[in-house]
């Protein structure tokens, strides 16, 4: 993380935040800013290209990643759209949710707030 931060800070001063808190994101974050934080191991990976994020990972990260919790009001429709439009590997998604200690919260949210069976 330090190497990436050091490499980017000279090229993009004022746009990079290293392991920021929600407060720091709110105070200093920009629409085109870059957040640098540690990755979770064994996260679902894209079959196509390494820089693409699978929807299963995105759904779990919506609950586990402190940076994405800012817009929770949009979660029900976003999750329903993902489930309706795309095939999701629910087994892989729940395995990743267990690893992030968010399985119970994710399942309860989906059951209580969406029309997904």
C-alpha atoms as a PDB file:
ATOM      1  CA  UNK A   1       0.000   0.000   0.000  1.00  0.00           C
ATOM      2  CA  UNK A   2       2.769   2.435   0.883  1.00  0.00           C
ATOM      3  CA  UNK A   3       4.500   1.803  -2.435  1.00  0.00           C
ATOM      4  CA  UNK A   4       1.316   2.438  -4.412  1.00  0.00           C
ATOM      5  CA  UNK A   5       0.560   5.559  -2.380  1.00  0.00           C
ATOM      6  CA  UNK A   6       4.103   6.908  -2.844  1.00  0.00           C
ATOM      7  CA  UNK A   7       3.972   6.203  -6.567  1.00  0.00           C
ATOM      8  CA  UNK A   8       0.636   7.936  -7.107  1.00  0.00           C
ATOM      9  CA  UNK A   9       0.868  10.893  -4.723  1.00  0.00           C
ATOM     10  CA  UNK A  10       3.357  12.734  -6.939  1.00  0.00           C
ATOM     11  CA  UNK A  11       1.231  12.247 -10.043  1.00  0.00           C
ATOM     12  CA  UNK A  12      -2.117  13.046  -8.434  1.00  0.00           C
ATOM     13  CA  UNK A  13      -1.610  15.290  -5.388  1.00  0.00           C
ATOM     14  CA  UNK A  14      -4.727  15.861  -3.309  1.00  0.00           C
ATOM     15  CA  UNK A  15      -6.668  12.978  -4.851  1.00  0.00           C
ATOM     16  CA  UNK A  16      -5.193   9.976  -2.991  1.00  0.00           C
ATOM     17  CA  UNK A  17      -6.275   8.836   0.474  1.00  0.00           C
ATOM     18  CA  UNK A  18      -4.384   6.036   2.246  1.00  0.00           C
ATOM     19  CA  UNK A  19      -6.563   3.874   4.546  1.00  0.00           C
ATOM     20  CA  UNK A  20      -9.000   6.713   5.222  1.00  0.00           C
ATOM     21  CA  UNK A  21     -11.777   6.655   7.793  1.00  0.00           C
ATOM     22  CA  UNK A  22     -15.352   7.587   6.851  1.00  0.00           C
ATOM     23  CA  UNK A  23     -14.743  11.005   8.406  1.00  0.00           C
ATOM     24  CA  UNK A  24     -11.646  11.562   6.242  1.00  0.00           C
ATOM     25  CA  UNK A  25     -13.525  10.470   3.112  1.00  0.00           C
ATOM     26  CA  UNK A  26     -16.338  12.880   3.906  1.00  0.00           C
ATOM     27  CA  UNK A  27     -13.910  15.735   4.587  1.00  0.00           C
ATOM     28  CA  UNK A  28     -11.270  15.176   1.911  1.00  0.00           C
ATOM     29  CA  UNK A  29     -12.728  12.759  -0.622  1.00  0.00           C
ATOM     30  CA  UNK A  30     -13.443  13.851  -4.174  1.00  0.00           C
ATOM     31  CA  UNK A  31     -15.595  12.310  -6.915  1.00  0.00           C
ATOM     32  CA  UNK A  32     -12.490  11.370  -8.860  1.00  0.00           C
ATOM     33  CA  UNK A  33     -10.340  10.526  -5.838  1.00  0.00           C
ATOM     34  CA  UNK A  34      -8.523   7.261  -5.192  1.00  0.00           C
ATOM     35  CA  UNK A  35      -8.797   5.292  -1.951  1.00  0.00           C
ATOM     36  CA  UNK A  36      -5.991   2.889  -1.090  1.00  0.00           C
ATOM     37  CA  UNK A  37      -6.758   0.141   1.414  1.00  0.00           C
ATOM     38  CA  UNK A  38      -5.883  -3.503   2.039  1.00  0.00           C
ATOM     39  CA  UNK A  39      -7.653  -6.219   0.044  1.00  0.00           C
ATOM     40  CA  UNK A  40      -9.340  -9.227   1.602  1.00  0.00           C
ATOM     41  CA  UNK A  41      -7.835 -12.548   0.613  1.00  0.00           C
ATOM     42  CA  UNK A  42      -9.908 -15.203  -1.143  1.00  0.00           C
ATOM     43  CA  UNK A  43     -12.318 -12.680  -2.601  1.00  0.00           C
ATOM     44  CA  UNK A  44     -14.239 -13.788  -5.696  1.00  0.00           C
ATOM     45  CA  UNK A  45     -12.298 -13.003  -8.858  1.00  0.00           C
ATOM     46  CA  UNK A  46     -13.441 -12.117 -12.331  1.00  0.00           C
ATOM     47  CA  UNK A  47     -13.109 -14.867 -14.938  1.00  0.00           C
ATOM     48  CA  UNK A  48     -12.362 -12.257 -17.552  1.00  0.00           C
ATOM     49  CA  UNK A  49      -9.947  -9.497 -16.611  1.00  0.00           C
ATOM     50  CA  UNK A  50      -8.124  -9.011 -13.334  1.00  0.00           C
ATOM     51  CA  UNK A  51      -9.260  -5.416 -12.828  1.00  0.00           C
ATOM     52  CA  UNK A  52     -12.973  -6.238 -13.047  1.00  0.00           C
ATOM     53  CA  UNK A  53     -14.932  -6.829  -9.835  1.00  0.00           C
ATOM     54  CA  UNK A  54     -17.473  -9.666  -9.840  1.00  0.00           C
ATOM     55  CA  UNK A  55     -20.951  -8.698  -8.684  1.00  0.00           C
ATOM     56  CA  UNK A  56     -20.822 -11.294  -5.886  1.00  0.00           C
ATOM     57  CA  UNK A  57     -17.844  -9.484  -4.360  1.00  0.00           C
ATOM     58  CA  UNK A  58     -19.449  -6.092  -4.881  1.00  0.00           C
ATOM     59  CA  UNK A  59     -22.633  -7.141  -3.063  1.00  0.00           C
ATOM     60  CA  UNK A  60     -20.712  -8.427  -0.034  1.00  0.00           C
ATOM     61  CA  UNK A  61     -18.416  -5.401  -0.026  1.00  0.00           C
ATOM     62  CA  UNK A  62     -21.465  -3.138   0.063  1.00  0.00           C
ATOM     63  CA  UNK A  63     -21.999  -4.468   3.586  1.00  0.00           C
ATOM     64  CA  UNK A  64     -18.407  -5.055   4.668  1.00  0.00           C
ATOM     65  CA  UNK A  65     -16.511  -2.121   3.175  1.00  0.00           C
ATOM     66  CA  UNK A  66     -16.728   1.003   5.300  1.00  0.00           C
ATOM     67  CA  UNK A  67     -16.348   3.221   2.224  1.00  0.00           C
ATOM     68  CA  UNK A  68     -19.448   1.837   0.501  1.00  0.00           C
ATOM     69  CA  UNK A  69     -21.785   2.111   3.488  1.00  0.00           C
ATOM     70  CA  UNK A  70     -22.508   5.742   2.714  1.00  0.00           C
ATOM     71  CA  UNK A  71     -25.368   4.985   0.299  1.00  0.00           C
ATOM     72  CA  UNK A  72     -27.306   2.160   1.959  1.00  0.00           C
ATOM     73  CA  UNK A  73     -30.691   3.524   0.849  1.00  0.00           C
ATOM     74  CA  UNK A  74     -29.987   2.402  -2.713  1.00  0.00           C
ATOM     75  CA  UNK A  75     -29.038  -1.162  -1.746  1.00  0.00           C
ATOM     76  CA  UNK A  76     -32.421  -2.926  -2.180  1.00  0.00           C
ATOM     77  CA  UNK A  77     -33.006  -1.853  -5.787  1.00  0.00           C
ATOM     78  CA  UNK A  78     -29.339  -2.305  -6.715  1.00  0.00           C
ATOM     79  CA  UNK A  79     -29.228  -5.848  -5.331  1.00  0.00           C
ATOM     80  CA  UNK A  80     -32.569  -6.796  -6.902  1.00  0.00           C
ATOM     81  CA  UNK A  81     -31.352  -5.507 -10.276  1.00  0.00           C
ATOM     82  CA  UNK A  82     -28.136  -7.533 -10.032  1.00  0.00           C
ATOM     83  CA  UNK A  83     -30.019 -10.708  -9.118  1.00  0.00           C
ATOM     84  CA  UNK A  84     -32.618 -10.201 -11.874  1.00  0.00           C
ATOM     85  CA  UNK A  85     -30.238  -9.261 -14.698  1.00  0.00           C
ATOM     86  CA  UNK A  86     -27.251 -11.521 -14.077  1.00  0.00           C
ATOM     87  CA  UNK A  87     -26.386 -15.021 -12.946  1.00  0.00           C
ATOM     88  CA  UNK A  88     -24.766 -14.761  -9.521  1.00  0.00           C
ATOM     89  CA  UNK A  89     -22.753 -17.517  -7.888  1.00  0.00           C
ATOM     90  CA  UNK A  90     -24.589 -17.401  -4.575  1.00  0.00           C
ATOM     91  CA  UNK A  91     -22.418 -20.113  -3.027  1.00  0.00           C
ATOM     92  CA  UNK A  92     -19.261 -18.115  -3.726  1.00  0.00           C
ATOM     93  CA  UNK A  93     -20.920 -14.923  -2.581  1.00  0.00           C
ATOM     94  CA  UNK A  94     -21.985 -16.428   0.752  1.00  0.00           C
ATOM     95  CA  UNK A  95     -18.553 -17.996   1.257  1.00  0.00           C
ATOM     96  CA  UNK A  96     -16.967 -14.565   0.796  1.00  0.00           C
ATOM     97  CA  UNK A  97     -19.600 -13.030   3.103  1.00  0.00           C
ATOM     98  CA  UNK A  98     -18.691 -15.586   5.799  1.00  0.00           C
ATOM     99  CA  UNK A  99     -15.028 -14.672   5.416  1.00  0.00           C
ATOM    100  CA  UNK A 100     -15.929 -10.988   5.901  1.00  0.00           C
ATOM    101  CA  UNK A 101     -18.244 -11.847   8.859  1.00  0.00           C
ATOM    102  CA  UNK A 102     -21.227 -10.434   6.965  1.00  0.00           C
ATOM    103  CA  UNK A 103     -23.191 -13.537   5.941  1.00  0.00           C
ATOM    104  CA  UNK A 104     -25.936 -13.156   8.540  1.00  0.00           C
ATOM    105  CA  UNK A 105     -26.330  -9.418   7.873  1.00  0.00           C
ATOM    106  CA  UNK A 106     -26.390  -9.933   4.094  1.00  0.00           C
ATOM    107  CA  UNK A 107     -28.925 -12.771   4.174  1.00  0.00           C
ATOM    108  CA  UNK A 108     -31.169 -10.877   6.622  1.00  0.00           C
ATOM    109  CA  UNK A 109     -31.002  -7.703   4.515  1.00  0.00           C
ATOM    110  CA  UNK A 110     -31.879  -9.543   1.319  1.00  0.00           C
ATOM    111  CA  UNK A 111     -34.736 -11.391   3.016  1.00  0.00           C
ATOM    112  CA  UNK A 112     -36.160  -8.298   4.775  1.00  0.00           C
ATOM    113  CA  UNK A 113     -35.566  -5.576   2.179  1.00  0.00           C
ATOM    114  CA  UNK A 114     -35.811  -7.151  -1.272  1.00  0.00           C
ATOM    115  CA  UNK A 115     -38.161  -9.324  -3.297  1.00  0.00           C
ATOM    116  CA  UNK A 116     -35.429 -11.915  -3.944  1.00  0.00           C
ATOM    117  CA  UNK A 117     -36.410 -15.485  -3.017  1.00  0.00           C
END
